[in-house]
Amino acid sequence: MNVIAILAAAAAGFVMGAVWYMTLAGFWLRALDIELDEKGKPKMEGSYAPFVVSAIVMLIVATMMQHILTSSGVEGAGASLVAGLGIGAFLITPWVAMNYAYAMRKVMLTVIDCGYAILGCGVIGLVLGLF
């Protein structure tokens, strides 16, 4: 297990999420039906808990992806990127989409969150493949 690769990949996945959700913040907030103030900011107080959970989850995902890539003989940045995109698109996205359908979440929320799952796993795979 390459701890440096896992930490780097988890950090890259976390940063990818920050960029993704900052870019799509307005759409995401509307898809969640969160009440906004006159400046377009959520009226409710924020919490650091989601960021802590996200960091822990990125470590878990990066660790498991390294195991999957190693066990499957996937080597190199390109192949690891494609494998990561596949993990996001064909393992995580269907599960999230199913749960969101049962919860009657808006389609836009599914698209945004699943888009991050796909790209985030792709970035994690890419970084793992660089080591």
Protein backbone atom coordinates (compact mmCIF):
# COMPACT_ATOMS: atom_id res chain seq x y z
CA MET A 1 0.00 0.00 0.00
CA ASN A 2 1.43 3.35 -1.08
CA VAL A 3 0.31 5.76 1.63
CA ILE A 4 1.70 8.83 -0.19
CA ALA A 5 -0.24 7.92 -3.33
CA ILE A 6 -3.42 7.43 -1.32
CA LEU A 7 -3.03 10.77 0.48
CA ALA A 8 -2.28 12.58 -2.79
CA ALA A 9 -5.21 10.93 -4.56
CA ALA A 10 -7.59 11.67 -1.69
CA ALA A 11 -6.47 15.31 -1.65
CA ALA A 12 -6.95 15.54 -5.42
CA GLY A 13 -10.46 14.08 -5.14
CA PHE A 14 -11.29 16.55 -2.37
CA VAL A 15 -10.01 19.52 -4.41
CA MET A 16 -11.92 18.26 -7.45
CA GLY A 17 -15.07 18.32 -5.31
CA ALA A 18 -14.38 21.84 -4.10
CA VAL A 19 -13.97 23.09 -7.68
CA TRP A 20 -17.00 21.11 -8.90
CA TYR A 21 -19.38 22.31 -6.20
CA MET A 22 -18.11 25.92 -6.17
CA THR A 23 -18.70 26.04 -9.91
CA LEU A 24 -22.17 24.49 -9.65
CA ALA A 25 -23.14 25.93 -6.25
CA GLY A 26 -26.18 27.86 -7.46
CA PHE A 27 -27.63 24.89 -9.34
CA TRP A 28 -26.84 22.54 -6.44
CA LEU A 29 -28.47 24.78 -3.81
CA ARG A 30 -31.60 25.16 -5.95
CA ALA A 31 -31.72 21.39 -6.54
CA LEU A 32 -31.70 20.92 -2.77
CA ASP A 33 -34.43 23.56 -2.28
CA ILE A 34 -32.28 25.33 0.29
CA GLU A 35 -33.65 28.73 1.26
CA LEU A 36 -31.30 31.50 0.09
CA ASP A 37 -30.84 35.07 1.22
CA GLU A 38 -30.83 38.11 -1.09
CA LYS A 39 -27.15 37.47 -1.94
CA GLY A 40 -27.85 33.87 -2.99
CA LYS A 41 -26.24 32.38 0.10
CA PRO A 42 -27.93 29.73 2.26
CA LYS A 43 -29.90 31.22 5.16
CA MET A 44 -29.02 28.36 7.48
CA GLU A 45 -25.74 28.16 9.40
CA GLY A 46 -22.96 26.11 7.87
CA SER A 47 -20.97 23.35 9.52
CA TYR A 48 -17.49 21.91 9.12
CA ALA A 49 -18.84 18.37 9.53
CA PRO A 50 -19.43 17.78 5.78
CA PHE A 51 -15.81 18.73 5.04
CA VAL A 52 -14.49 16.35 7.69
CA VAL A 53 -16.72 13.55 6.41
CA SER A 54 -15.63 14.31 2.83
CA ALA A 55 -11.94 14.10 3.75
CA ILE A 56 -12.45 10.75 5.49
CA VAL A 57 -14.51 9.40 2.60
CA MET A 58 -11.87 10.48 0.07
CA LEU A 59 -9.27 8.51 2.05
CA ILE A 60 -11.53 5.44 2.07
CA VAL A 61 -12.27 5.69 -1.66
CA ALA A 62 -8.63 6.29 -2.60
CA THR A 63 -7.52 3.33 -0.47
CA MET A 64 -10.07 0.98 -2.01
CA MET A 65 -9.38 2.24 -5.51
CA GLN A 66 -5.67 1.58 -5.03
CA HIS A 67 -6.52 -1.94 -3.94
CA ILE A 68 -8.81 -2.47 -6.94
CA LEU A 69 -6.31 -1.05 -9.42
CA THR A 70 -3.43 -3.07 -7.98
CA SER A 71 -5.44 -6.30 -7.77
CA SER A 72 -6.63 -5.83 -11.36
CA GLY A 73 -3.16 -5.15 -12.71
CA VAL A 74 -4.09 -1.65 -13.89
CA GLU A 75 -0.93 0.42 -14.30
CA GLY A 76 -0.17 3.91 -15.54
CA ALA A 77 -1.98 7.21 -15.38
CA GLY A 78 -4.15 6.72 -18.46
CA ALA A 79 -5.42 3.27 -17.58
CA SER A 80 -5.99 4.30 -13.96
CA LEU A 81 -7.91 7.39 -15.08
CA VAL A 82 -10.19 5.27 -17.27
CA ALA A 83 -10.67 2.72 -14.48
CA GLY A 84 -11.52 5.53 -12.06
CA LEU A 85 -14.05 7.02 -14.46
CA GLY A 86 -15.56 3.56 -14.85
CA ILE A 87 -15.79 3.06 -11.09
CA GLY A 88 -17.55 6.41 -10.75
CA ALA A 89 -19.84 5.88 -13.74
CA PHE A 90 -20.75 2.22 -13.35
CA LEU A 91 -20.51 1.52 -9.60
CA ILE A 92 -21.16 4.76 -7.72
CA THR A 93 -23.49 6.62 -10.09
CA PRO A 94 -26.15 3.90 -10.43
CA TRP A 95 -26.29 3.43 -6.67
CA VAL A 96 -26.61 7.17 -5.98
CA ALA A 97 -29.19 7.56 -8.75
CA MET A 98 -31.26 4.70 -7.33
CA ASN A 99 -31.18 6.18 -3.81
CA TYR A 100 -32.05 9.65 -5.09
CA ALA A 101 -34.96 8.23 -7.11
CA TYR A 102 -36.41 6.58 -4.00
CA ALA A 103 -35.86 9.79 -2.03
CA MET A 104 -37.58 11.72 -4.84
CA ARG A 105 -34.63 14.05 -5.23
CA LYS A 106 -34.51 16.38 -8.22
CA VAL A 107 -32.88 15.05 -11.38
CA MET A 108 -30.47 18.02 -11.38
CA LEU A 109 -29.15 16.99 -7.96
CA THR A 110 -28.55 13.48 -9.28
CA VAL A 111 -26.72 14.84 -12.32
CA ILE A 112 -24.52 17.15 -10.24
CA ASP A 113 -23.66 14.65 -7.52
CA CYS A 114 -23.12 11.76 -9.93
CA GLY A 115 -21.01 13.97 -12.17
CA TYR A 116 -18.72 14.58 -9.22
CA ALA A 117 -18.62 10.85 -8.43
CA ILE A 118 -17.47 10.12 -11.97
CA LEU A 119 -14.91 12.92 -12.26
CA GLY A 120 -13.74 12.56 -8.66
CA CYS A 121 -13.02 8.86 -9.11
CA GLY A 122 -11.33 9.66 -12.40
CA VAL A 123 -9.02 12.16 -10.70
CA ILE A 124 -8.28 9.73 -7.88
CA GLY A 125 -7.47 7.03 -10.43
CA LEU A 126 -5.25 9.41 -12.39
CA VAL A 127 -3.25 10.39 -9.32
CA LEU A 128 -2.91 6.78 -8.16
CA GLY A 129 -1.68 5.88 -11.64
CA LEU A 130 1.07 8.49 -11.43
CA PHE A 131 2.72 6.61 -8.52
